[in-house]
Amino acid sequence: MSGLAYGGALLASLVGTGLLDRRFRLFLFADARRALAVLGVGLAFLLLWDLGGIGLGVFHRGESRWMSGVELAPDLPVEEVGFLLLLCYVTMTLYAAALRLLGRREAGA
């Protein structure tokens, strides 16, 4: 069961970010089509970056009992895709929140 802990934590974090996004309509729930395109481009870029680093011998898969052990490619665990998706989603949600907060401050000033 511990082999699914990291993936479960990533999934819980994605759900939590999604709930905040839904509540405040920040990114995905503000414009789903545009948000999915941005997430897709960001995820593709970071996966290519990872694959390049793996190919150059810079990135290696670490051993952990918390990971499933499933690899999409040599040294590319399935959890890496979840992590990169979370990274993109959290970044864009925080960016949208910051724009909203800064917009309100400028309007009130």
Protein backbone atom coordinates (compact mmCIF):
# COMPACT_ATOMS: atom_id res chain seq x y z
CA MET A 1 0.00 0.00 0.00
CA SER A 2 2.86 2.39 0.68
CA GLY A 3 3.79 2.08 -3.03
CA LEU A 4 0.78 4.22 -3.86
CA ALA A 5 1.33 6.91 -1.21
CA TYR A 6 3.14 9.41 -3.44
CA GLY A 7 0.63 9.05 -6.26
CA GLY A 8 -2.20 9.39 -3.75
CA ALA A 9 -0.66 12.54 -2.30
CA LEU A 10 -0.33 13.99 -5.80
CA LEU A 11 -3.95 13.13 -6.56
CA ALA A 12 -5.13 14.67 -3.28
CA SER A 13 -3.15 17.83 -4.07
CA LEU A 14 -4.66 18.02 -7.56
CA VAL A 15 -8.16 17.63 -6.10
CA GLY A 16 -7.47 20.29 -3.46
CA THR A 17 -6.17 22.71 -6.07
CA GLY A 18 -9.19 21.92 -8.22
CA LEU A 19 -11.56 22.67 -5.36
CA LEU A 20 -9.95 26.06 -4.76
CA ASP A 21 -9.98 26.75 -8.48
CA ARG A 22 -13.67 25.83 -8.68
CA ARG A 23 -14.58 27.91 -5.64
CA PHE A 24 -12.92 31.06 -6.95
CA ARG A 25 -13.08 30.30 -10.72
CA LEU A 26 -9.42 31.12 -11.13
CA PHE A 27 -8.02 29.05 -13.99
CA LEU A 28 -9.58 25.82 -15.23
CA PHE A 29 -13.04 26.81 -14.06
CA ALA A 30 -12.69 30.31 -15.51
CA ASP A 31 -11.95 29.19 -19.09
CA ALA A 32 -11.57 25.42 -19.40
CA ARG A 33 -10.55 25.27 -23.06
CA ARG A 34 -7.78 27.82 -22.72
CA ALA A 35 -6.65 26.37 -19.38
CA LEU A 36 -6.42 22.83 -20.78
CA ALA A 37 -4.34 24.13 -23.68
CA VAL A 38 -1.98 25.92 -21.29
CA LEU A 39 -1.72 22.84 -19.06
CA GLY A 40 -1.07 20.64 -22.10
CA VAL A 41 1.70 22.86 -23.42
CA GLY A 42 3.30 23.22 -19.99
CA LEU A 43 3.13 19.49 -19.30
CA ALA A 44 4.54 18.63 -22.74
CA PHE A 45 7.40 21.10 -22.31
CA LEU A 46 8.33 19.78 -18.86
CA LEU A 47 8.10 16.15 -19.99
CA LEU A 48 10.40 16.90 -22.93
CA TRP A 49 12.73 18.67 -20.51
CA ASP A 50 12.73 15.60 -18.26
CA LEU A 51 13.33 13.24 -21.18
CA GLY A 52 16.21 15.42 -22.34
CA GLY A 53 17.72 15.38 -18.86
CA ILE A 54 17.28 11.62 -18.64
CA GLY A 55 18.89 11.19 -22.06
CA LEU A 56 21.87 13.30 -21.00
CA GLY A 57 22.21 11.35 -17.76
CA VAL A 58 21.36 14.35 -15.60
CA PHE A 59 18.08 12.97 -14.17
CA HIS A 60 17.76 9.55 -12.59
CA ARG A 61 14.87 7.74 -10.98
CA GLY A 62 15.36 7.54 -7.25
CA GLU A 63 14.27 4.51 -5.31
CA SER A 64 11.41 5.02 -2.90
CA ARG A 65 8.98 2.68 -1.25
CA TRP A 66 6.35 5.42 -1.59
CA MET A 67 6.27 5.19 -5.40
CA SER A 68 4.45 2.58 -7.47
CA GLY A 69 7.51 1.43 -9.41
CA VAL A 70 5.69 1.88 -12.73
CA GLU A 71 7.82 3.63 -15.35
CA LEU A 72 6.60 5.21 -18.58
CA ALA A 73 10.15 5.16 -19.92
CA PRO A 74 13.50 4.33 -18.34
CA ASP A 75 13.98 6.64 -15.32
CA LEU A 76 10.57 8.26 -15.88
CA PRO A 77 8.14 7.09 -13.18
CA VAL A 78 4.43 7.52 -13.76
CA GLU A 79 4.29 9.78 -10.70
CA GLU A 80 6.48 12.30 -12.51
CA VAL A 81 3.62 13.07 -14.89
CA GLY A 82 1.32 13.68 -11.92
CA PHE A 83 3.92 15.90 -10.28
CA LEU A 84 4.46 17.96 -13.43
CA LEU A 85 0.71 18.31 -13.94
CA LEU A 86 0.35 19.48 -10.33
CA LEU A 87 3.24 21.90 -10.78
CA CYS A 88 1.62 23.45 -13.86
CA TYR A 89 -1.86 23.57 -12.33
CA VAL A 90 -0.76 25.10 -9.03
CA THR A 91 1.44 27.63 -10.83
CA MET A 92 -1.33 28.80 -13.14
CA THR A 93 -3.92 28.86 -10.35
CA LEU A 94 -1.62 30.97 -8.17
CA TYR A 95 -0.86 33.23 -11.11
CA ALA A 96 -4.58 33.77 -11.77
CA ALA A 97 -5.16 34.43 -8.07
CA ALA A 98 -2.33 36.95 -7.97
CA LEU A 99 -3.69 38.76 -11.02
CA ARG A 100 -7.11 38.94 -9.41
CA LEU A 101 -5.71 40.25 -6.11
CA LEU A 102 -3.50 42.80 -7.83
CA GLY A 103 -6.40 43.92 -9.99
CA ARG A 104 -8.55 44.51 -6.91
CA ARG A 105 -5.80 46.48 -5.19
CA GLU A 106 -5.29 48.69 -8.22
CA ALA A 107 -9.02 49.32 -8.53
CA GLY A 108 -9.27 50.19 -4.83
CA ALA A 109 -6.21 52.45 -4.75
